Structures are given as C-alpha cells and as structure tokens.
Amino acid sequence: MAVGAIRKKVLRKFKLRGYILNTDALEEILSFLTQFEDQEDEAIEILLDEINKESLNSSVLDRDSVHRVISLLLEAESAVEASPSSSNRSHFRILDSFIIPKFCYDSTKKTFYERTGKLPIHGDASSKAALYRDRFQLLHQRLSRDPHFAKPAFDYEFTRSVSREISPIQSLIGQTGRRWIMGVISQLEDSGFYLEDTSAAVKVDLSDAISLTEFHAF
C-alpha cells in the first residue's frame, strides 16, 4: 500500500477514536507500520487498543506517548518470537494485576491520579456501585474530549457552530430547547425505565425505541 494511503488511513482511524496526531507522532506510527506489510489494519487497531489503555491527559498525541506504546508492543513481539512456542504468535500480553498501578479519575479536577495503598481482593458492598460510577465517568471524560462535544474555547464560536456540550441531567430543570446528555438506562421502578447520570435521573418512554441492530437493518 502506498505511503500516502497508509497516512490517510492512520489519521482517519485515530480520528474515529477521538485522537489527533501531531507530525512527529504520525511519522513514528508510519515507521512502526513498515514492519507489518499487508497487515497495516490489524497493526493500527492493536496500537489503538493499547493507546486506549494509557492514562492520557490529552487527545492530542505526541511522539513520546506513541513511542512508549510502540516500544511495549515490540517488546511483546520479540518475547513471543524468542519463546519455544513462537509458532503460536499472539498479541496478548499477560500482566500481574497486583503489580500494575491503579489509576482513578477525579471528576472535579478532570485528571487521573494513582491510587496508593493495598487493595483488597474482595470488594465491599459499595464496590459494585463504584465500579459502574467509575466506568461512567471514564466514558464521560472520553466523550467530552471528542471535538464534536468539546466546549468551544471562545464565546464567539457558539455563533459559528452548533454546540454539543454534554449537560448534566440535573441541569435540564427549567431549561428549554435541545440539550445533549449522556446517561445509562436503569429500571429504578417496576413501572418504567430511567435515564440517569451521577447528578439525577429522568423517566424515559422506550415504547418507540429500537435497538442498534434493528437500526442498522434499515
């Protein structure tokens, strides 16, 4: 495949995942892909999956952040090739969950921080609720970094484009017009379903809703 076509493919795939590549990061990725001729698509997807696991403070990727992930992938590739069972090549890497650092997301400061102290093997009664709350906050901050939902940097940009900034459900009280919200569907009562986030919940009518499978069938 021509270099120009690979360059466009890389930029498109990273943009779909919500990432922006600077020039140095793009060149680092193109150099990495030269080792996987005719397997560029698979290599890009694996690279994106590994980048998604990183605790990044920005959706703009520089050379250092990309180089760190590529180095880990190449180390894993070398370890597989050096193993006696190298014929069964795999892109999986086994890590000890008790030694890798644990990161939590601070929704107030909008940053990640490393959790210190020893974690119990078995969670307490609040662990399950915390699991879904943390997962929701991670998805929310990822969506908020997307260019389509990011808050305009200057007020005049509101007049130039439609703002799709995610609003908390609680802020809908007394508001009119179109708003963009993010939530999870919960059945808080036997009589109906609710859309809720960490601020509030609102009852929704799902009688005319269709699943994504049915939607794509159209």
C-alpha atoms as a PDB file:
ATOM      1  CA  MET A   1       0.000   0.000   0.000  1.00  0.00           C
ATOM      2  CA  ALA A   2       1.283   3.478  -0.855  1.00  0.00           C
ATOM      3  CA  VAL A   3       2.605   5.640   1.973  1.00  0.00           C
ATOM      4  CA  GLY A   4       0.045   8.337   1.236  1.00  0.00           C
ATOM      5  CA  ALA A   5      -2.832   5.884   1.535  1.00  0.00           C
ATOM      6  CA  ILE A   6      -1.473   4.476   4.811  1.00  0.00           C
ATOM      7  CA  ARG A   7      -1.035   8.020   6.151  1.00  0.00           C
ATOM      8  CA  LYS A   8      -4.683   8.853   5.406  1.00  0.00           C
ATOM      9  CA  LYS A   9      -5.845   5.566   6.917  1.00  0.00           C
ATOM     10  CA  VAL A  10      -3.911   6.187  10.148  1.00  0.00           C
ATOM     11  CA  LEU A  11      -5.279   9.715  10.504  1.00  0.00           C
ATOM     12  CA  ARG A  12      -8.831   8.527   9.843  1.00  0.00           C
ATOM     13  CA  LYS A  13      -8.719   5.615  12.285  1.00  0.00           C
ATOM     14  CA  PHE A  14      -7.199   7.727  15.057  1.00  0.00           C
ATOM     15  CA  LYS A  15      -9.749  10.476  14.469  1.00  0.00           C
ATOM     16  CA  LEU A  16     -12.577   7.955  14.794  1.00  0.00           C
ATOM     17  CA  ARG A  17     -11.199   7.020  18.218  1.00  0.00           C
ATOM     18  CA  GLY A  18     -11.062  10.695  19.227  1.00  0.00           C
ATOM     19  CA  TYR A  19      -7.314  11.237  18.818  1.00  0.00           C
ATOM     20  CA  ILE A  20      -5.341  13.905  16.981  1.00  0.00           C
ATOM     21  CA  LEU A  21      -1.789  13.132  15.837  1.00  0.00           C
ATOM     22  CA  ASN A  22       0.956  15.707  15.563  1.00  0.00           C
ATOM     23  CA  THR A  23       3.542  15.313  12.813  1.00  0.00           C
ATOM     24  CA  ASP A  24       6.158  13.505  14.915  1.00  0.00           C
ATOM     25  CA  ALA A  25       3.593  11.033  16.282  1.00  0.00           C
ATOM     26  CA  LEU A  26       2.341  10.258  12.771  1.00  0.00           C
ATOM     27  CA  GLU A  27       5.867   9.603  11.495  1.00  0.00           C
ATOM     28  CA  GLU A  28       6.519   7.299  14.475  1.00  0.00           C
ATOM     29  CA  ILE A  29       3.419   5.279  13.650  1.00  0.00           C
ATOM     30  CA  LEU A  30       4.253   5.072   9.937  1.00  0.00           C
ATOM     31  CA  SER A  31       7.725   3.778  10.822  1.00  0.00           C
ATOM     32  CA  PHE A  32       6.125   1.148  13.075  1.00  0.00           C
ATOM     33  CA  LEU A  33       3.750   0.008  10.313  1.00  0.00           C
ATOM     34  CA  THR A  34       6.601  -0.670   7.882  1.00  0.00           C
ATOM     35  CA  GLN A  35       7.269  -3.823   9.935  1.00  0.00           C
ATOM     36  CA  PHE A  36       3.781  -5.162   9.179  1.00  0.00           C
ATOM     37  CA  GLU A  37       3.434  -5.041   5.426  1.00  0.00           C
ATOM     38  CA  ASP A  38      -0.042  -6.094   4.224  1.00  0.00           C
ATOM     39  CA  GLN A  39      -1.161  -6.197   7.889  1.00  0.00           C
ATOM     40  CA  GLU A  40      -1.419  -2.463   8.485  1.00  0.00           C
ATOM     41  CA  ASP A  41      -5.095  -2.546   9.506  1.00  0.00           C
ATOM     42  CA  GLU A  42      -4.531  -5.110  12.250  1.00  0.00           C
ATOM     43  CA  ALA A  43      -1.407  -3.312  13.478  1.00  0.00           C
ATOM     44  CA  ILE A  44      -3.249   0.019  13.679  1.00  0.00           C
ATOM     45  CA  GLU A  45      -6.136  -1.497  15.628  1.00  0.00           C
ATOM     46  CA  ILE A  46      -3.777  -3.184  18.094  1.00  0.00           C
ATOM     47  CA  LEU A  47      -1.870   0.085  18.539  1.00  0.00           C
ATOM     48  CA  LEU A  48      -5.116   1.985  19.149  1.00  0.00           C
ATOM     49  CA  ASP A  49      -6.302  -0.581  21.690  1.00  0.00           C
ATOM     50  CA  GLU A  50      -3.053  -0.221  23.628  1.00  0.00           C
ATOM     51  CA  ILE A  51      -3.189   3.588  23.484  1.00  0.00           C
ATOM     52  CA  ASN A  52      -6.737   3.464  24.871  1.00  0.00           C
ATOM     53  CA  LYS A  53      -5.350   1.711  27.942  1.00  0.00           C
ATOM     54  CA  GLU A  54      -2.942   4.575  28.617  1.00  0.00           C
ATOM     55  CA  SER A  55      -3.818   7.323  31.113  1.00  0.00           C
ATOM     56  CA  LEU A  56      -3.538  10.270  28.759  1.00  0.00           C
ATOM     57  CA  ASN A  57      -4.209  13.870  29.722  1.00  0.00           C
ATOM     58  CA  SER A  58      -4.951  14.994  26.176  1.00  0.00           C
ATOM     59  CA  SER A  59      -6.474  13.656  22.979  1.00  0.00           C
ATOM     60  CA  VAL A  60      -3.549  15.158  21.049  1.00  0.00           C
ATOM     61  CA  LEU A  61      -0.840  12.509  20.774  1.00  0.00           C
ATOM     62  CA  ASP A  62       2.823  13.438  20.577  1.00  0.00           C
ATOM     63  CA  ARG A  63       5.837  11.315  19.659  1.00  0.00           C
ATOM     64  CA  ASP A  64       6.705  10.335  23.237  1.00  0.00           C
ATOM     65  CA  SER A  65       3.272   8.940  24.098  1.00  0.00           C
ATOM     66  CA  VAL A  66       3.108   6.930  20.856  1.00  0.00           C
ATOM     67  CA  HIS A  67       6.721   5.742  21.125  1.00  0.00           C
ATOM     68  CA  ARG A  68       6.111   4.383  24.638  1.00  0.00           C
ATOM     69  CA  VAL A  69       3.209   2.202  23.477  1.00  0.00           C
ATOM     70  CA  ILE A  70       5.030   1.046  20.331  1.00  0.00           C
ATOM     71  CA  SER A  71       8.054   0.032  22.411  1.00  0.00           C
ATOM     72  CA  LEU A  72       5.851  -2.145  24.618  1.00  0.00           C
ATOM     73  CA  LEU A  73       4.298  -3.824  21.584  1.00  0.00           C
ATOM     74  CA  LEU A  74       7.679  -4.525  20.022  1.00  0.00           C
ATOM     75  CA  GLU A  75       8.980  -5.955  23.301  1.00  0.00           C
ATOM     76  CA  ALA A  76       5.982  -8.274  23.486  1.00  0.00           C
ATOM     77  CA  GLU A  77       6.526  -9.273  19.840  1.00  0.00           C
ATOM     78  CA  SER A  78      10.189 -10.062  20.499  1.00  0.00           C
ATOM     79  CA  ALA A  79       9.310 -12.116  23.575  1.00  0.00           C
ATOM     80  CA  VAL A  80       6.844 -14.190  21.565  1.00  0.00           C
ATOM     81  CA  GLU A  81       9.354 -14.804  18.773  1.00  0.00           C
ATOM     82  CA  ALA A  82      12.009 -15.873  21.304  1.00  0.00           C
ATOM     83  CA  SER A  83       9.718 -18.301  23.120  1.00  0.00           C
ATOM     84  CA  PRO A  84       9.768 -22.054  22.278  1.00  0.00           C
ATOM     85  CA  SER A  85       6.192 -21.850  21.077  1.00  0.00           C
ATOM     86  CA  SER A  86       6.827 -18.879  18.778  1.00  0.00           C
ATOM     87  CA  SER A  87       4.820 -20.580  16.047  1.00  0.00           C
ATOM     88  CA  ASN A  88       1.704 -19.743  18.050  1.00  0.00           C
ATOM     89  CA  ARG A  89       2.209 -15.987  17.853  1.00  0.00           C
ATOM     90  CA  SER A  90      -0.140 -13.879  19.931  1.00  0.00           C
ATOM     91  CA  HIS A  91      -0.606 -10.177  20.547  1.00  0.00           C
ATOM     92  CA  PHE A  92      -1.791 -10.783  24.107  1.00  0.00           C
ATOM     93  CA  ARG A  93       0.473  -9.802  26.969  1.00  0.00           C
ATOM     94  CA  ILE A  94      -0.084 -11.246  30.435  1.00  0.00           C
ATOM     95  CA  LEU A  95       0.396  -8.768  33.279  1.00  0.00           C
ATOM     96  CA  ASP A  96       0.146  -9.300  37.009  1.00  0.00           C
ATOM     97  CA  SER A  97      -2.849  -7.252  38.169  1.00  0.00           C
ATOM     98  CA  PHE A  98      -1.331  -6.949  41.645  1.00  0.00           C
ATOM     99  CA  ILE A  99       1.760  -5.067  40.491  1.00  0.00           C
ATOM    100  CA  ILE A 100       0.442  -2.740  37.789  1.00  0.00           C
ATOM    101  CA  PRO A 101      -0.500   0.752  39.041  1.00  0.00           C
ATOM    102  CA  LYS A 102      -4.167   1.562  39.623  1.00  0.00           C
ATOM    103  CA  PHE A 103      -5.453   4.887  38.322  1.00  0.00           C
ATOM    104  CA  CYS A 104      -8.654   6.671  39.279  1.00  0.00           C
ATOM    105  CA  TYR A 105     -10.371   9.594  37.597  1.00  0.00           C
ATOM    106  CA  ASP A 106     -11.045  12.795  39.545  1.00  0.00           C
ATOM    107  CA  SER A 107     -14.216  14.274  38.006  1.00  0.00           C
ATOM    108  CA  THR A 108     -13.651  17.620  39.777  1.00  0.00           C
ATOM    109  CA  LYS A 109     -10.068  18.215  38.643  1.00  0.00           C
ATOM    110  CA  LYS A 110     -10.658  16.200  35.445  1.00  0.00           C
ATOM    111  CA  THR A 111      -7.374  14.361  35.845  1.00  0.00           C
ATOM    112  CA  PHE A 112      -6.183  10.841  36.647  1.00  0.00           C
ATOM    113  CA  TYR A 113      -4.320  10.044  39.819  1.00  0.00           C
ATOM    114  CA  GLU A 114      -2.601   6.887  41.003  1.00  0.00           C
ATOM    115  CA  ARG A 115      -4.343   5.073  43.819  1.00  0.00           C
ATOM    116  CA  THR A 116      -1.990   4.163  46.619  1.00  0.00           C
ATOM    117  CA  GLY A 117      -2.299   1.560  49.344  1.00  0.00           C
ATOM    118  CA  LYS A 118      -3.100  -2.123  49.227  1.00  0.00           C
ATOM    119  CA  LEU A 119      -6.355  -3.072  47.569  1.00  0.00           C
ATOM    120  CA  PRO A 120      -8.481  -5.936  48.913  1.00  0.00           C
ATOM    121  CA  ILE A 121      -9.090  -8.958  46.720  1.00  0.00           C
ATOM    122  CA  HIS A 122     -12.790  -8.996  47.572  1.00  0.00           C
ATOM    123  CA  GLY A 123     -14.784  -5.776  47.336  1.00  0.00           C
ATOM    124  CA  ASP A 124     -17.247  -4.496  49.903  1.00  0.00           C
ATOM    125  CA  ALA A 125     -20.940  -3.663  49.416  1.00  0.00           C
ATOM    126  CA  SER A 126     -20.212  -0.338  47.698  1.00  0.00           C
ATOM    127  CA  SER A 127     -17.640  -1.733  45.255  1.00  0.00           C
ATOM    128  CA  LYS A 128     -20.161  -2.669  42.569  1.00  0.00           C
ATOM    129  CA  ALA A 129     -21.739   0.788  42.570  1.00  0.00           C
ATOM    130  CA  ALA A 130     -18.270   2.368  42.489  1.00  0.00           C
ATOM    131  CA  LEU A 131     -17.352   0.145  39.532  1.00  0.00           C
ATOM    132  CA  TYR A 132     -20.230   1.434  37.384  1.00  0.00           C
ATOM    133  CA  ARG A 133     -19.754   5.027  38.553  1.00  0.00           C
ATOM    134  CA  ASP A 134     -16.051   4.990  37.650  1.00  0.00           C
ATOM    135  CA  ARG A 135     -16.797   3.375  34.301  1.00  0.00           C
ATOM    136  CA  PHE A 136     -19.408   6.038  33.548  1.00  0.00           C
ATOM    137  CA  GLN A 137     -17.004   8.851  34.456  1.00  0.00           C
ATOM    138  CA  LEU A 138     -14.279   7.367  32.247  1.00  0.00           C
ATOM    139  CA  LEU A 139     -16.639   7.205  29.281  1.00  0.00           C
ATOM    140  CA  HIS A 140     -17.921  10.715  30.013  1.00  0.00           C
ATOM    141  CA  GLN A 141     -14.458  12.278  30.065  1.00  0.00           C
ATOM    142  CA  ARG A 142     -13.523  10.424  26.876  1.00  0.00           C
ATOM    143  CA  LEU A 143     -16.661  11.704  25.119  1.00  0.00           C
ATOM    144  CA  SER A 144     -16.089  15.233  26.437  1.00  0.00           C
ATOM    145  CA  ARG A 145     -12.646  15.297  24.764  1.00  0.00           C
ATOM    146  CA  ASP A 146     -14.141  14.480  21.389  1.00  0.00           C
ATOM    147  CA  PRO A 147     -14.128  17.558  19.093  1.00  0.00           C
ATOM    148  CA  HIS A 148     -17.888  17.164  18.472  1.00  0.00           C
ATOM    149  CA  PHE A 149     -18.707  17.511  22.177  1.00  0.00           C
ATOM    150  CA  ALA A 150     -15.882  19.717  23.466  1.00  0.00           C
ATOM    151  CA  LYS A 151     -16.832  23.129  24.834  1.00  0.00           C
ATOM    152  CA  PRO A 152     -15.827  25.963  22.455  1.00  0.00           C
ATOM    153  CA  ALA A 153     -12.748  27.818  23.671  1.00  0.00           C
ATOM    154  CA  PHE A 154     -14.262  31.236  22.898  1.00  0.00           C
ATOM    155  CA  ASP A 155     -17.812  32.522  23.155  1.00  0.00           C
ATOM    156  CA  TYR A 156     -17.946  33.658  19.532  1.00  0.00           C
ATOM    157  CA  GLU A 157     -17.537  30.052  18.422  1.00  0.00           C
ATOM    158  CA  PHE A 158     -21.081  29.384  19.672  1.00  0.00           C
ATOM    159  CA  THR A 159     -22.398  31.530  16.807  1.00  0.00           C
ATOM    160  CA  ARG A 160     -20.237  29.755  14.234  1.00  0.00           C
ATOM    161  CA  SER A 161     -21.156  26.182  15.064  1.00  0.00           C
ATOM    162  CA  VAL A 162     -23.734  24.202  16.994  1.00  0.00           C
ATOM    163  CA  SER A 163     -22.533  23.390  20.498  1.00  0.00           C
ATOM    164  CA  ARG A 164     -22.959  19.779  21.583  1.00  0.00           C
ATOM    165  CA  GLU A 165     -21.519  20.129  25.064  1.00  0.00           C
ATOM    166  CA  ILE A 166     -22.745  17.331  27.359  1.00  0.00           C
ATOM    167  CA  SER A 167     -25.143  18.696  30.006  1.00  0.00           C
ATOM    168  CA  PRO A 168     -25.833  17.018  33.372  1.00  0.00           C
ATOM    169  CA  ILE A 169     -29.385  15.705  33.654  1.00  0.00           C
ATOM    170  CA  GLN A 170     -29.950  17.837  36.742  1.00  0.00           C
ATOM    171  CA  SER A 171     -29.292  21.000  34.699  1.00  0.00           C
ATOM    172  CA  LEU A 172     -32.315  20.272  32.479  1.00  0.00           C
ATOM    173  CA  ILE A 173     -34.712  21.569  35.145  1.00  0.00           C
ATOM    174  CA  GLY A 174     -36.315  24.756  33.865  1.00  0.00           C
ATOM    175  CA  GLN A 175     -34.444  24.601  30.539  1.00  0.00           C
ATOM    176  CA  THR A 176     -35.968  24.615  27.057  1.00  0.00           C
ATOM    177  CA  GLY A 177     -34.599  23.733  23.658  1.00  0.00           C
ATOM    178  CA  ARG A 178     -32.276  20.946  22.585  1.00  0.00           C
ATOM    179  CA  ARG A 179     -29.699  19.608  25.029  1.00  0.00           C
ATOM    180  CA  TRP A 180     -27.132  16.827  24.748  1.00  0.00           C
ATOM    181  CA  ILE A 181     -26.950  14.448  27.683  1.00  0.00           C
ATOM    182  CA  MET A 182     -25.209  11.186  28.493  1.00  0.00           C
ATOM    183  CA  GLY A 183     -26.607   8.579  30.844  1.00  0.00           C
ATOM    184  CA  VAL A 184     -27.354   4.917  31.449  1.00  0.00           C
ATOM    185  CA  ILE A 185     -30.718   3.199  31.223  1.00  0.00           C
ATOM    186  CA  SER A 186     -31.848   1.914  34.629  1.00  0.00           C
ATOM    187  CA  GLN A 187     -35.029   0.333  35.895  1.00  0.00           C
ATOM    188  CA  LEU A 188     -35.387   2.109  39.214  1.00  0.00           C
ATOM    189  CA  GLU A 189     -39.040   1.065  39.473  1.00  0.00           C
ATOM    190  CA  ASP A 190     -41.005  -1.852  38.099  1.00  0.00           C
ATOM    191  CA  SER A 191     -43.262   0.550  36.230  1.00  0.00           C
ATOM    192  CA  GLY A 192     -40.674   2.106  33.927  1.00  0.00           C
ATOM    193  CA  PHE A 193     -37.138   2.987  32.906  1.00  0.00           C
ATOM    194  CA  TYR A 194     -34.964   5.973  33.735  1.00  0.00           C
ATOM    195  CA  LEU A 195     -32.011   7.696  32.115  1.00  0.00           C
ATOM    196  CA  GLU A 196     -29.564   8.622  34.857  1.00  0.00           C
ATOM    197  CA  ASP A 197     -26.122  10.062  35.356  1.00  0.00           C
ATOM    198  CA  THR A 198     -24.227  10.966  38.528  1.00  0.00           C
ATOM    199  CA  SER A 199     -26.391  14.067  39.094  1.00  0.00           C
ATOM    200  CA  ALA A 200     -30.001  12.932  38.616  1.00  0.00           C
ATOM    201  CA  ALA A 201     -32.389  10.588  36.819  1.00  0.00           C
ATOM    202  CA  VAL A 202     -35.293  11.261  34.468  1.00  0.00           C
ATOM    203  CA  LYS A 203     -38.028   8.861  33.426  1.00  0.00           C
ATOM    204  CA  VAL A 204     -37.991   7.948  29.733  1.00  0.00           C
ATOM    205  CA  ASP A 205     -40.523   6.344  27.407  1.00  0.00           C
ATOM    206  CA  LEU A 206     -38.922   3.465  25.496  1.00  0.00           C
ATOM    207  CA  SER A 207     -42.090   2.237  23.812  1.00  0.00           C
ATOM    208  CA  ASP A 208     -40.909   3.507  20.386  1.00  0.00           C
ATOM    209  CA  ALA A 209     -37.203   2.817  20.913  1.00  0.00           C
ATOM    210  CA  ILE A 210     -35.322   0.468  18.593  1.00  0.00           C
ATOM    211  CA  SER A 211     -32.071  -1.389  19.175  1.00  0.00           C
ATOM    212  CA  LEU A 212     -28.910  -0.639  17.212  1.00  0.00           C
ATOM    213  CA  THR A 213     -29.273  -3.977  15.434  1.00  0.00           C
ATOM    214  CA  GLU A 214     -32.731  -3.020  14.168  1.00  0.00           C
ATOM    215  CA  PHE A 215     -31.498   0.487  13.295  1.00  0.00           C
ATOM    216  CA  HIS A 216     -28.662  -0.804  11.099  1.00  0.00           C
ATOM    217  CA  ALA A 217     -31.114  -3.170   9.434  1.00  0.00           C
ATOM    218  CA  PHE A 218     -32.870  -0.130   7.950  1.00  0.00           C
END
